[in-house]
Amino acid sequence: VQDIPLYHNLVMKHIPGADPELVLLNHYYEELDRIALSDMTRSEINELLEKLGFYKKAQPEDEVPEEFRFSPAKDSPFKDEPPYKSSTSSVATENASSEPDAEVKHTDL
């Protein structure tokens, strides 16, 4: 329980009376697997999480590097989408494509 805040994309739900288990979900929150944890030690659970690809931070408040944002998933279902663009840049692009003289009108930019 003490190590949970260090792991990215790991959430604990306490269910009174239930044996502890790790439930692995995909990006759509569909269950992939369940692993019983009751017979495992803290170090064994940490080793398991490492093998599964969970990213462990040094401190709970540390940032997660971009390449681990979707971990433990090996590939993101969103990897082929273009990076996020602000609404301002998309409006400028639309104006530039629909109005060929847009650059002339905004010479001060």
C-alpha atoms as a PDB file:
ATOM      1  CA  VAL A   1       0.000   0.000   0.000  1.00  0.00           C
ATOM      2  CA  GLN A   2       2.899   2.382   0.764  1.00  0.00           C
ATOM      3  CA  ASP A   3       4.288   2.112  -2.767  1.00  0.00           C
ATOM      4  CA  ILE A   4       1.025   2.728  -4.662  1.00  0.00           C
ATOM      5  CA  PRO A   5       1.477   6.543  -4.906  1.00  0.00           C
ATOM      6  CA  LEU A   6       4.810   5.955  -6.666  1.00  0.00           C
ATOM      7  CA  TYR A   7       3.291   3.979  -9.541  1.00  0.00           C
ATOM      8  CA  HIS A   8       1.765   5.672 -12.568  1.00  0.00           C
ATOM      9  CA  ASN A   9      -1.670   4.370 -13.657  1.00  0.00           C
ATOM     10  CA  LEU A  10      -2.090   2.217 -10.545  1.00  0.00           C
ATOM     11  CA  VAL A  11      -5.161   2.750  -8.379  1.00  0.00           C
ATOM     12  CA  MET A  12      -6.155   0.873  -5.227  1.00  0.00           C
ATOM     13  CA  LYS A  13      -9.772   0.101  -4.406  1.00  0.00           C
ATOM     14  CA  HIS A  14     -10.319  -1.347  -0.950  1.00  0.00           C
ATOM     15  CA  ILE A  15     -13.124  -3.921  -0.923  1.00  0.00           C
ATOM     16  CA  PRO A  16     -13.805  -5.135   2.645  1.00  0.00           C
ATOM     17  CA  GLY A  17     -13.544  -8.917   2.970  1.00  0.00           C
ATOM     18  CA  ALA A  18     -12.044  -9.451  -0.508  1.00  0.00           C
ATOM     19  CA  ASP A  19      -8.627 -10.991  -1.066  1.00  0.00           C
ATOM     20  CA  PRO A  20      -6.193  -8.498  -2.606  1.00  0.00           C
ATOM     21  CA  GLU A  21      -5.698  -8.887  -6.334  1.00  0.00           C
ATOM     22  CA  LEU A  22      -4.274  -6.846  -9.169  1.00  0.00           C
ATOM     23  CA  VAL A  23      -6.863  -6.250 -11.882  1.00  0.00           C
ATOM     24  CA  LEU A  24      -5.351  -5.269 -15.223  1.00  0.00           C
ATOM     25  CA  LEU A  25      -7.502  -3.099 -17.494  1.00  0.00           C
ATOM     26  CA  ASN A  26      -7.034  -1.901 -21.045  1.00  0.00           C
ATOM     27  CA  HIS A  27      -7.464   1.702 -22.251  1.00  0.00           C
ATOM     28  CA  TYR A  28     -11.217   1.183 -22.395  1.00  0.00           C
ATOM     29  CA  TYR A  29     -11.395  -0.119 -18.772  1.00  0.00           C
ATOM     30  CA  GLU A  30     -12.112  -3.659 -19.943  1.00  0.00           C
ATOM     31  CA  GLU A  31     -10.671  -6.334 -17.676  1.00  0.00           C
ATOM     32  CA  LEU A  32      -7.684  -8.176 -19.120  1.00  0.00           C
ATOM     33  CA  ASP A  33      -6.460 -10.252 -16.175  1.00  0.00           C
ATOM     34  CA  ARG A  34      -6.589 -10.738 -12.394  1.00  0.00           C
ATOM     35  CA  ILE A  35      -3.548 -11.655 -10.329  1.00  0.00           C
ATOM     36  CA  ALA A  36      -3.907 -12.775  -6.698  1.00  0.00           C
ATOM     37  CA  LEU A  37      -1.616 -10.826  -4.367  1.00  0.00           C
ATOM     38  CA  SER A  38      -2.409 -12.370  -0.969  1.00  0.00           C
ATOM     39  CA  ASP A  39       0.549 -14.806  -1.031  1.00  0.00           C
ATOM     40  CA  MET A  40       3.059 -12.226  -2.293  1.00  0.00           C
ATOM     41  CA  THR A  41       5.441 -10.028  -0.322  1.00  0.00           C
ATOM     42  CA  ARG A  42       5.844  -6.287  -0.896  1.00  0.00           C
ATOM     43  CA  SER A  43       9.064  -6.811  -2.865  1.00  0.00           C
ATOM     44  CA  GLU A  44       7.452  -9.543  -5.000  1.00  0.00           C
ATOM     45  CA  ILE A  45       4.534  -7.239  -5.827  1.00  0.00           C
ATOM     46  CA  ASN A  46       6.945  -4.431  -6.757  1.00  0.00           C
ATOM     47  CA  GLU A  47       8.885  -6.854  -8.959  1.00  0.00           C
ATOM     48  CA  LEU A  48       5.642  -7.988 -10.625  1.00  0.00           C
ATOM     49  CA  LEU A  49       4.605  -4.381 -11.320  1.00  0.00           C
ATOM     50  CA  GLU A  50       8.025  -3.709 -12.854  1.00  0.00           C
ATOM     51  CA  LYS A  51       7.732  -6.787 -15.086  1.00  0.00           C
ATOM     52  CA  LEU A  52       4.263  -5.679 -16.181  1.00  0.00           C
ATOM     53  CA  GLY A  53       5.692  -2.311 -17.250  1.00  0.00           C
ATOM     54  CA  PHE A  54       4.284   0.031 -14.600  1.00  0.00           C
ATOM     55  CA  TYR A  55       6.343   3.211 -14.294  1.00  0.00           C
ATOM     56  CA  LYS A  56       7.621   3.846 -10.751  1.00  0.00           C
ATOM     57  CA  LYS A  57       8.444   7.423  -9.755  1.00  0.00           C
ATOM     58  CA  ALA A  58      11.104   8.287  -7.194  1.00  0.00           C
ATOM     59  CA  GLN A  59       8.658  10.622  -5.386  1.00  0.00           C
ATOM     60  CA  PRO A  60       4.834  10.683  -5.640  1.00  0.00           C
ATOM     61  CA  GLU A  61       4.848  14.272  -6.952  1.00  0.00           C
ATOM     62  CA  ASP A  62       7.389  13.579  -9.735  1.00  0.00           C
ATOM     63  CA  GLU A  63       6.308  14.042 -13.362  1.00  0.00           C
ATOM     64  CA  VAL A  64       5.839  10.986 -15.564  1.00  0.00           C
ATOM     65  CA  PRO A  65       7.978  11.123 -18.730  1.00  0.00           C
ATOM     66  CA  GLU A  66       5.949  11.349 -21.951  1.00  0.00           C
ATOM     67  CA  GLU A  67       7.103   7.916 -23.150  1.00  0.00           C
ATOM     68  CA  PHE A  68       5.555   6.324 -20.019  1.00  0.00           C
ATOM     69  CA  ARG A  69       2.285   8.285 -20.078  1.00  0.00           C
ATOM     70  CA  PHE A  70       0.290   5.247 -21.249  1.00  0.00           C
ATOM     71  CA  SER A  71       2.262   2.652 -19.310  1.00  0.00           C
ATOM     72  CA  PRO A  72       1.967  -0.151 -18.552  1.00  0.00           C
ATOM     73  CA  ALA A  73       0.475  -0.482 -22.031  1.00  0.00           C
ATOM     74  CA  LYS A  74       3.258  -1.159 -24.508  1.00  0.00           C
ATOM     75  CA  ASP A  75       1.540   0.798 -27.297  1.00  0.00           C
ATOM     76  CA  SER A  76      -0.989   3.557 -26.966  1.00  0.00           C
ATOM     77  CA  PRO A  77      -4.181   3.310 -29.018  1.00  0.00           C
ATOM     78  CA  PHE A  78      -3.734   7.054 -29.589  1.00  0.00           C
ATOM     79  CA  LYS A  79      -0.155   6.918 -30.930  1.00  0.00           C
ATOM     80  CA  ASP A  80      -1.177   7.687 -34.532  1.00  0.00           C
ATOM     81  CA  GLU A  81      -3.208  10.780 -33.619  1.00  0.00           C
ATOM     82  CA  PRO A  82      -1.587  14.161 -34.268  1.00  0.00           C
ATOM     83  CA  PRO A  83      -0.345  15.995 -31.177  1.00  0.00           C
ATOM     84  CA  TYR A  84      -2.760  18.317 -29.406  1.00  0.00           C
ATOM     85  CA  LYS A  85      -3.106  21.734 -30.995  1.00  0.00           C
ATOM     86  CA  SER A  86      -4.550  24.749 -29.246  1.00  0.00           C
ATOM     87  CA  SER A  87      -7.751  26.209 -30.672  1.00  0.00           C
ATOM     88  CA  THR A  88      -5.858  29.390 -31.576  1.00  0.00           C
ATOM     89  CA  SER A  89      -3.423  27.595 -33.874  1.00  0.00           C
ATOM     90  CA  SER A  90      -6.182  25.594 -35.567  1.00  0.00           C
ATOM     91  CA  VAL A  91      -8.175  28.776 -36.250  1.00  0.00           C
ATOM     92  CA  ALA A  92      -5.101  30.419 -37.757  1.00  0.00           C
ATOM     93  CA  THR A  93      -4.554  27.360 -39.963  1.00  0.00           C
ATOM     94  CA  GLU A  94      -8.168  27.352 -41.113  1.00  0.00           C
ATOM     95  CA  ASN A  95      -8.025  31.055 -41.942  1.00  0.00           C
ATOM     96  CA  ALA A  96      -4.769  30.636 -43.834  1.00  0.00           C
ATOM     97  CA  SER A  97      -6.149  27.810 -45.942  1.00  0.00           C
ATOM     98  CA  SER A  98      -9.500  29.467 -46.703  1.00  0.00           C
ATOM     99  CA  GLU A  99      -8.103  32.967 -47.278  1.00  0.00           C
ATOM    100  CA  PRO A 100      -4.966  32.982 -49.426  1.00  0.00           C
ATOM    101  CA  ASP A 101      -4.238  36.637 -48.511  1.00  0.00           C
ATOM    102  CA  ALA A 102      -4.394  35.990 -44.743  1.00  0.00           C
ATOM    103  CA  GLU A 103      -0.632  36.545 -44.387  1.00  0.00           C
ATOM    104  CA  VAL A 104      -0.872  39.914 -46.147  1.00  0.00           C
ATOM    105  CA  LYS A 105      -3.630  41.064 -43.794  1.00  0.00           C
ATOM    106  CA  HIS A 106      -1.558  40.180 -40.717  1.00  0.00           C
ATOM    107  CA  THR A 107       1.886  41.509 -41.581  1.00  0.00           C
ATOM    108  CA  ASP A 108       2.410  42.703 -37.989  1.00  0.00           C
ATOM    109  CA  LEU A 109       2.421  39.114 -36.676  1.00  0.00           C
END
